Amino acid sequence: MRTHQLKTTQISEEAFIWLKSKYEAVDTMDAGAYRTFLSEDCELQFGNNPILKCNNEIIGGLQHFWDALNGLDHSFINILGTDNQIAAEALIDYTRKDGKVVTVPCVTIIGRNQDGLASSVRIFIDVAPVFG
């Protein structure tokens, strides 16, 4: 095994606090709070859905998704990357309208601009089990 070209990275405490706050807004399904983490031109890809290309489209799409749920809760497993490119692996407990909780694995890759706002969010997830 060779490791002479290996580079390891770690996000700063500031970026970690930003990430936790962003997901607190998600887990409380607070669209107004979530909006504050996004740049106006942010692009969001959620699973195999079409890319949403601006802050207002993203909030509308998430609100529509959240309206189909009673709640959700992220449990993070890994957070990798740099302050500008963060990959977060989590298990998400979705509480359906019938009260059943369904856990789904997810990886989200977040690109942040120079202002520290999310400019790109790519969510790799299959939510079919939540609604199946």
C-alpha atoms as a PDB file:
ATOM      1  CA  MET A   1       0.000   0.000   0.000  1.00  0.00           C
ATOM      2  CA  ARG A   2       1.203   3.474  -0.868  1.00  0.00           C
ATOM      3  CA  THR A   3      -0.008   6.553   0.953  1.00  0.00           C
ATOM      4  CA  HIS A   4       2.515   9.197  -0.104  1.00  0.00           C
ATOM      5  CA  GLN A   5      -0.137  11.029  -2.167  1.00  0.00           C
ATOM      6  CA  LEU A   6      -2.918  10.675   0.374  1.00  0.00           C
ATOM      7  CA  LYS A   7      -4.461  13.920   1.564  1.00  0.00           C
ATOM      8  CA  THR A   8      -6.793  14.084   4.478  1.00  0.00           C
ATOM      9  CA  THR A   9      -9.152  16.949   5.125  1.00  0.00           C
ATOM     10  CA  GLN A  10     -11.291  18.123   7.948  1.00  0.00           C
ATOM     11  CA  ILE A  11     -13.914  20.804   8.100  1.00  0.00           C
ATOM     12  CA  SER A  12     -13.420  23.624  10.587  1.00  0.00           C
ATOM     13  CA  GLU A  13     -15.444  23.994  13.761  1.00  0.00           C
ATOM     14  CA  GLU A  14     -17.205  26.967  12.136  1.00  0.00           C
ATOM     15  CA  ALA A  15     -18.260  24.867   9.118  1.00  0.00           C
ATOM     16  CA  PHE A  16     -19.377  22.042  11.425  1.00  0.00           C
ATOM     17  CA  ILE A  17     -21.574  24.441  13.415  1.00  0.00           C
ATOM     18  CA  TRP A  18     -22.989  25.784  10.116  1.00  0.00           C
ATOM     19  CA  LEU A  19     -23.753  22.225   8.978  1.00  0.00           C
ATOM     20  CA  LYS A  20     -25.452  21.285  12.265  1.00  0.00           C
ATOM     21  CA  SER A  21     -27.547  24.469  12.171  1.00  0.00           C
ATOM     22  CA  LYS A  22     -28.546  23.766   8.563  1.00  0.00           C
ATOM     23  CA  TYR A  23     -29.772  20.312   9.520  1.00  0.00           C
ATOM     24  CA  GLU A  24     -31.590  21.589  12.596  1.00  0.00           C
ATOM     25  CA  ALA A  25     -33.631  23.692  10.151  1.00  0.00           C
ATOM     26  CA  VAL A  26     -34.251  20.572   8.042  1.00  0.00           C
ATOM     27  CA  ASP A  27     -35.209  18.364  10.985  1.00  0.00           C
ATOM     28  CA  THR A  28     -37.662  20.972  12.274  1.00  0.00           C
ATOM     29  CA  MET A  29     -38.944  21.424   8.704  1.00  0.00           C
ATOM     30  CA  ASP A  30     -38.432  25.188   9.012  1.00  0.00           C
ATOM     31  CA  ALA A  31     -38.286  26.452   5.423  1.00  0.00           C
ATOM     32  CA  GLY A  32     -37.549  30.038   6.469  1.00  0.00           C
ATOM     33  CA  ALA A  33     -34.561  28.984   8.558  1.00  0.00           C
ATOM     34  CA  TYR A  34     -33.323  26.604   5.842  1.00  0.00           C
ATOM     35  CA  ARG A  35     -33.471  29.393   3.246  1.00  0.00           C
ATOM     36  CA  THR A  36     -30.832  31.353   5.201  1.00  0.00           C
ATOM     37  CA  PHE A  37     -28.248  28.657   4.407  1.00  0.00           C
ATOM     38  CA  LEU A  38     -28.718  28.860   0.614  1.00  0.00           C
ATOM     39  CA  SER A  39     -27.298  31.246  -1.946  1.00  0.00           C
ATOM     40  CA  GLU A  40     -29.900  32.821  -4.237  1.00  0.00           C
ATOM     41  CA  ASP A  41     -28.562  30.794  -7.183  1.00  0.00           C
ATOM     42  CA  CYS A  42     -28.192  27.518  -5.290  1.00  0.00           C
ATOM     43  CA  GLU A  43     -28.915  24.313  -7.212  1.00  0.00           C
ATOM     44  CA  LEU A  44     -30.415  21.317  -5.422  1.00  0.00           C
ATOM     45  CA  GLN A  45     -30.623  17.756  -6.753  1.00  0.00           C
ATOM     46  CA  PHE A  46     -32.815  15.498  -4.572  1.00  0.00           C
ATOM     47  CA  GLY A  47     -32.562  11.848  -5.574  1.00  0.00           C
ATOM     48  CA  ASN A  48     -33.615  11.389  -9.176  1.00  0.00           C
ATOM     49  CA  ASN A  49     -35.851  14.480  -9.226  1.00  0.00           C
ATOM     50  CA  PRO A  50     -35.166  17.405 -11.573  1.00  0.00           C
ATOM     51  CA  ILE A  51     -32.584  19.931 -10.403  1.00  0.00           C
ATOM     52  CA  LEU A  52     -34.104  22.930  -8.638  1.00  0.00           C
ATOM     53  CA  LYS A  53     -32.167  25.996  -9.715  1.00  0.00           C
ATOM     54  CA  CYS A  54     -32.908  28.837  -7.337  1.00  0.00           C
ATOM     55  CA  ASN A  55     -33.567  29.506  -3.701  1.00  0.00           C
ATOM     56  CA  ASN A  56     -37.355  29.908  -4.164  1.00  0.00           C
ATOM     57  CA  GLU A  57     -37.714  26.677  -6.195  1.00  0.00           C
ATOM     58  CA  ILE A  58     -35.745  24.771  -3.573  1.00  0.00           C
ATOM     59  CA  ILE A  59     -37.837  26.029  -0.672  1.00  0.00           C
ATOM     60  CA  GLY A  60     -41.076  25.266  -2.563  1.00  0.00           C
ATOM     61  CA  GLY A  61     -39.888  21.755  -3.424  1.00  0.00           C
ATOM     62  CA  LEU A  62     -38.755  20.986   0.115  1.00  0.00           C
ATOM     63  CA  GLN A  63     -41.954  22.371   1.605  1.00  0.00           C
ATOM     64  CA  HIS A  64     -43.978  20.125  -0.723  1.00  0.00           C
ATOM     65  CA  PHE A  65     -41.896  17.113   0.384  1.00  0.00           C
ATOM     66  CA  TRP A  66     -42.118  18.038   4.085  1.00  0.00           C
ATOM     67  CA  ASP A  67     -45.903  18.435   3.816  1.00  0.00           C
ATOM     68  CA  ALA A  68     -46.091  14.680   3.089  1.00  0.00           C
ATOM     69  CA  LEU A  69     -44.388  13.855   6.415  1.00  0.00           C
ATOM     70  CA  ASN A  70     -44.974  14.207  10.132  1.00  0.00           C
ATOM     71  CA  GLY A  71     -41.255  14.634  10.780  1.00  0.00           C
ATOM     72  CA  LEU A  72     -37.677  13.644  10.065  1.00  0.00           C
ATOM     73  CA  ASP A  73     -34.452  13.285  12.031  1.00  0.00           C
ATOM     74  CA  HIS A  74     -30.884  12.969  10.735  1.00  0.00           C
ATOM     75  CA  SER A  75     -28.332  10.751  12.476  1.00  0.00           C
ATOM     76  CA  PHE A  76     -24.901  11.506  11.009  1.00  0.00           C
ATOM     77  CA  ILE A  77     -22.358   8.763  10.405  1.00  0.00           C
ATOM     78  CA  ASN A  78     -19.591  10.557   8.478  1.00  0.00           C
ATOM     79  CA  ILE A  79     -18.787  14.141   7.614  1.00  0.00           C
ATOM     80  CA  LEU A  80     -15.938  14.523   5.151  1.00  0.00           C
ATOM     81  CA  GLY A  81     -14.403  17.235   3.043  1.00  0.00           C
ATOM     82  CA  THR A  82     -13.379  20.839   3.398  1.00  0.00           C
ATOM     83  CA  ASP A  83     -15.222  23.985   4.441  1.00  0.00           C
ATOM     84  CA  ASN A  84     -16.182  24.529   0.772  1.00  0.00           C
ATOM     85  CA  GLN A  85     -17.075  20.933  -0.159  1.00  0.00           C
ATOM     86  CA  ILE A  86     -18.784  18.851   2.518  1.00  0.00           C
ATOM     87  CA  ALA A  87     -20.005  15.268   2.178  1.00  0.00           C
ATOM     88  CA  ALA A  88     -22.387  14.180   4.932  1.00  0.00           C
ATOM     89  CA  GLU A  89     -23.516  10.562   5.343  1.00  0.00           C
ATOM     90  CA  ALA A  90     -26.562  10.006   7.519  1.00  0.00           C
ATOM     91  CA  LEU A  91     -29.403   7.716   8.411  1.00  0.00           C
ATOM     92  CA  ILE A  92     -32.658   9.628   8.244  1.00  0.00           C
ATOM     93  CA  ASP A  93     -35.683   8.617  10.302  1.00  0.00           C
ATOM     94  CA  TYR A  94     -38.774   9.730   8.398  1.00  0.00           C
ATOM     95  CA  THR A  95     -42.027   9.803  10.350  1.00  0.00           C
ATOM     96  CA  ARG A  96     -44.868   9.184   7.942  1.00  0.00           C
ATOM     97  CA  LYS A  97     -48.385  10.594   8.245  1.00  0.00           C
ATOM     98  CA  ASP A  98     -49.545   7.216   9.634  1.00  0.00           C
ATOM     99  CA  GLY A  99     -46.942   7.484  12.439  1.00  0.00           C
ATOM    100  CA  LYS A 100     -44.656   4.740  11.094  1.00  0.00           C
ATOM    101  CA  VAL A 101     -40.932   5.585  11.177  1.00  0.00           C
ATOM    102  CA  VAL A 102     -38.861   4.528   8.159  1.00  0.00           C
ATOM    103  CA  THR A 103     -35.046   4.827   8.222  1.00  0.00           C
ATOM    104  CA  VAL A 104     -33.257   5.554   4.941  1.00  0.00           C
ATOM    105  CA  PRO A 105     -29.509   6.006   4.268  1.00  0.00           C
ATOM    106  CA  CYS A 106     -28.421   9.202   2.556  1.00  0.00           C
ATOM    107  CA  VAL A 107     -25.309  11.036   1.390  1.00  0.00           C
ATOM    108  CA  THR A 108     -25.438  14.767   0.704  1.00  0.00           C
ATOM    109  CA  ILE A 109     -22.680  16.732  -0.968  1.00  0.00           C
ATOM    110  CA  ILE A 110     -22.773  20.453  -0.295  1.00  0.00           C
ATOM    111  CA  GLY A 111     -20.745  23.058  -2.153  1.00  0.00           C
ATOM    112  CA  ARG A 112     -20.363  26.368  -0.337  1.00  0.00           C
ATOM    113  CA  ASN A 113     -19.563  29.706  -1.937  1.00  0.00           C
ATOM    114  CA  GLN A 114     -17.133  32.322  -0.626  1.00  0.00           C
ATOM    115  CA  ASP A 115     -19.909  33.783   1.557  1.00  0.00           C
ATOM    116  CA  GLY A 116     -20.322  30.416   3.309  1.00  0.00           C
ATOM    117  CA  LEU A 117     -23.731  29.703   1.746  1.00  0.00           C
ATOM    118  CA  ALA A 118     -24.719  26.494   0.002  1.00  0.00           C
ATOM    119  CA  SER A 119     -24.405  26.986  -3.749  1.00  0.00           C
ATOM    120  CA  SER A 120     -24.896  23.321  -4.615  1.00  0.00           C
ATOM    121  CA  VAL A 121     -26.692  20.563  -2.719  1.00  0.00           C
ATOM    122  CA  ARG A 122     -26.749  17.021  -4.131  1.00  0.00           C
ATOM    123  CA  ILE A 123     -28.782  14.561  -2.064  1.00  0.00           C
ATOM    124  CA  PHE A 124     -28.219  10.896  -2.918  1.00  0.00           C
ATOM    125  CA  ILE A 125     -31.210   9.045  -1.476  1.00  0.00           C
ATOM    126  CA  ASP A 126     -34.054   6.696  -2.336  1.00  0.00           C
ATOM    127  CA  VAL A 127     -37.190   7.780  -0.488  1.00  0.00           C
ATOM    128  CA  ALA A 128     -39.394   5.113  -2.094  1.00  0.00           C
ATOM    129  CA  PRO A 129     -39.430   3.053   1.150  1.00  0.00           C
ATOM    130  CA  VAL A 130     -40.863   6.070   3.003  1.00  0.00           C
ATOM    131  CA  PHE A 131     -43.910   6.188   0.775  1.00  0.00           C
ATOM    132  CA  GLY A 132     -44.119   2.495  -0.134  1.00  0.00           C
END
